[in-house]
Amino acid sequence: MRLTVFRYKVWDLQNDDQAQIPDFYAVREYIEQLEGASVIEDDYLEVDESDLDVYGRISSN
């Protein structure tokens, strides 16, 4: 099964002006569970479900 995974950014809650972009693409459901995270809508991949880890992520490297 093919799934769409997205890059995302996570805001530093202590320094509200800094965002980090993790080294993963992830399914939307995973990203929505992270506090301070938001999807980068225009940066995505379509991958096989079997390529994802147990959290629904795949390395961007």
N, C-alpha and C. Protein backbone atom coordinates (compact mmCIF):
# COMPACT_ATOMS: atom_id res chain seq x y z
N MET A 1 0.84 -1.18 0.00
CA MET A 1 0.00 0.00 0.00
C MET A 1 0.89 1.24 0.00
N ARG A 2 0.57 2.22 -0.81
CA ARG A 2 1.33 3.46 -0.91
C ARG A 2 0.73 4.49 0.05
N LEU A 3 1.61 5.19 0.77
CA LEU A 3 1.19 6.23 1.71
C LEU A 3 1.94 7.52 1.41
N THR A 4 1.34 8.64 1.74
CA THR A 4 2.00 9.93 1.62
C THR A 4 2.58 10.29 2.98
N VAL A 5 3.87 10.62 2.98
CA VAL A 5 4.55 11.06 4.20
C VAL A 5 5.07 12.48 3.98
N PHE A 6 5.10 13.26 5.03
CA PHE A 6 5.42 14.68 4.95
C PHE A 6 6.64 15.03 5.80
N ARG A 7 7.38 16.05 5.39
CA ARG A 7 8.37 16.68 6.27
C ARG A 7 7.58 17.52 7.26
N TYR A 8 8.16 17.79 8.38
CA TYR A 8 7.47 18.59 9.40
C TYR A 8 8.48 19.37 10.20
N LYS A 9 7.98 20.40 10.85
CA LYS A 9 8.83 21.19 11.73
C LYS A 9 8.25 21.17 13.13
N VAL A 10 9.14 21.23 14.09
CA VAL A 10 8.75 21.20 15.50
C VAL A 10 9.27 22.47 16.13
N TRP A 11 8.38 23.26 16.70
CA TRP A 11 8.76 24.52 17.35
C TRP A 11 9.32 24.24 18.73
N ASP A 12 10.39 24.92 19.05
CA ASP A 12 10.97 24.87 20.39
C ASP A 12 10.04 25.64 21.32
N LEU A 13 9.40 24.95 22.23
CA LEU A 13 8.38 25.58 23.07
C LEU A 13 8.96 26.63 24.02
N GLN A 14 10.25 26.51 24.36
CA GLN A 14 10.86 27.49 25.24
C GLN A 14 11.33 28.72 24.48
N ASN A 15 11.78 28.53 23.26
CA ASN A 15 12.22 29.64 22.40
C ASN A 15 11.30 29.64 21.18
N ASP A 16 10.17 30.27 21.32
CA ASP A 16 9.09 30.19 20.33
C ASP A 16 9.51 30.62 18.92
N ASP A 17 10.69 31.16 18.78
CA ASP A 17 11.12 31.64 17.47
C ASP A 17 11.98 30.64 16.71
N GLN A 18 12.23 29.46 17.24
CA GLN A 18 13.10 28.49 16.60
C GLN A 18 12.34 27.22 16.25
N ALA A 19 12.46 26.81 15.01
CA ALA A 19 11.85 25.55 14.58
C ALA A 19 12.95 24.60 14.13
N GLN A 20 12.76 23.35 14.44
CA GLN A 20 13.68 22.32 13.99
C GLN A 20 12.95 21.42 13.00
N ILE A 21 13.68 20.98 11.99
CA ILE A 21 13.11 20.04 11.02
C ILE A 21 13.81 18.70 11.24
N PRO A 22 13.09 17.72 11.77
CA PRO A 22 13.68 16.41 12.03
C PRO A 22 14.15 15.73 10.73
N ASP A 23 14.99 14.73 10.86
CA ASP A 23 15.53 14.00 9.72
C ASP A 23 14.58 12.91 9.23
N PHE A 24 13.30 13.14 9.36
CA PHE A 24 12.30 12.15 8.96
C PHE A 24 11.18 12.78 8.16
N TYR A 25 10.59 11.97 7.31
CA TYR A 25 9.26 12.23 6.77
C TYR A 25 8.35 11.35 7.63
N ALA A 26 7.10 11.74 7.81
CA ALA A 26 6.20 10.94 8.65
C ALA A 26 4.77 11.06 8.14
N VAL A 27 3.95 10.06 8.50
CA VAL A 27 2.54 10.12 8.16
C VAL A 27 1.89 11.25 8.97
N ARG A 28 0.86 11.82 8.43
CA ARG A 28 0.18 12.97 9.05
C ARG A 28 -0.28 12.65 10.47
N GLU A 29 -0.76 11.44 10.70
CA GLU A 29 -1.28 11.06 12.02
C GLU A 29 -0.19 11.15 13.09
N TYR A 30 1.03 10.76 12.74
CA TYR A 30 2.15 10.85 13.68
C TYR A 30 2.45 12.30 14.01
N ILE A 31 2.53 13.12 12.97
CA ILE A 31 2.87 14.54 13.15
C ILE A 31 1.84 15.25 14.02
N GLU A 32 0.58 14.96 13.79
CA GLU A 32 -0.49 15.63 14.55
C GLU A 32 -0.44 15.30 16.04
N GLN A 33 0.20 14.22 16.42
CA GLN A 33 0.30 13.86 17.84
C GLN A 33 1.46 14.55 18.54
N LEU A 34 2.36 15.16 17.80
CA LEU A 34 3.52 15.83 18.40
C LEU A 34 3.16 17.24 18.83
N GLU A 35 3.52 17.60 20.02
CA GLU A 35 3.25 18.94 20.52
C GLU A 35 4.16 19.94 19.82
N GLY A 36 3.57 20.99 19.27
CA GLY A 36 4.33 22.05 18.62
C GLY A 36 4.79 21.71 17.21
N ALA A 37 4.25 20.64 16.61
CA ALA A 37 4.66 20.24 15.27
C ALA A 37 3.65 20.68 14.22
N SER A 38 4.16 20.96 13.02
CA SER A 38 3.26 21.28 11.91
C SER A 38 3.81 20.67 10.63
N VAL A 39 2.90 20.27 9.77
CA VAL A 39 3.21 19.63 8.50
C VAL A 39 3.72 20.68 7.52
N ILE A 40 4.74 20.32 6.76
CA ILE A 40 5.18 21.14 5.63
C ILE A 40 4.48 20.56 4.41
N GLU A 41 3.36 21.16 4.03
CA GLU A 41 2.45 20.60 3.03
C GLU A 41 3.09 20.34 1.67
N ASP A 42 4.04 21.16 1.25
CA ASP A 42 4.58 21.02 -0.10
C ASP A 42 5.85 20.16 -0.16
N ASP A 43 6.21 19.50 0.94
CA ASP A 43 7.37 18.63 0.96
C ASP A 43 6.92 17.24 1.41
N TYR A 44 6.67 16.37 0.45
CA TYR A 44 6.14 15.05 0.76
C TYR A 44 6.69 14.00 -0.20
N LEU A 45 6.52 12.75 0.18
CA LEU A 45 6.91 11.60 -0.63
C LEU A 45 5.76 10.60 -0.61
N GLU A 46 5.67 9.79 -1.65
CA GLU A 46 4.78 8.64 -1.63
C GLU A 46 5.67 7.41 -1.51
N VAL A 47 5.43 6.62 -0.46
CA VAL A 47 6.28 5.47 -0.17
C VAL A 47 5.42 4.24 0.10
N ASP A 48 6.05 3.07 0.05
CA ASP A 48 5.36 1.84 0.43
C ASP A 48 5.26 1.79 1.94
N GLU A 49 4.14 1.31 2.41
CA GLU A 49 3.92 1.20 3.86
C GLU A 49 5.02 0.38 4.52
N SER A 50 5.54 -0.61 3.85
CA SER A 50 6.58 -1.48 4.42
C SER A 50 7.91 -0.76 4.63
N ASP A 51 8.10 0.42 4.02
CA ASP A 51 9.33 1.19 4.19
C ASP A 51 9.33 2.02 5.47
N LEU A 52 8.20 2.14 6.14
CA LEU A 52 8.07 2.98 7.33
C LEU A 52 8.43 2.21 8.60
N ASP A 53 8.91 2.95 9.61
CA ASP A 53 9.15 2.32 10.90
C ASP A 53 7.83 2.18 11.65
N VAL A 54 7.88 1.70 12.88
CA VAL A 54 6.65 1.45 13.65
C VAL A 54 5.88 2.73 13.96
N TYR A 55 6.53 3.90 13.85
CA TYR A 55 5.88 5.18 14.12
C TYR A 55 5.31 5.82 12.86
N GLY A 56 5.56 5.23 11.71
CA GLY A 56 5.09 5.81 10.46
C GLY A 56 6.06 6.83 9.89
N ARG A 57 7.36 6.62 10.13
CA ARG A 57 8.39 7.55 9.67
C ARG A 57 9.34 6.86 8.72
N ILE A 58 10.02 7.68 7.91
CA ILE A 58 11.08 7.21 7.05
C ILE A 58 12.17 8.28 7.05
N SER A 59 13.41 7.87 7.06
CA SER A 59 14.52 8.81 7.09
C SER A 59 14.57 9.65 5.81
N SER A 60 14.93 10.90 5.95
CA SER A 60 15.05 11.77 4.78
C SER A 60 16.42 11.67 4.15
N ASN A 61 17.32 10.95 4.78
CA ASN A 61 18.70 10.79 4.25
C ASN A 61 18.79 9.70 3.23
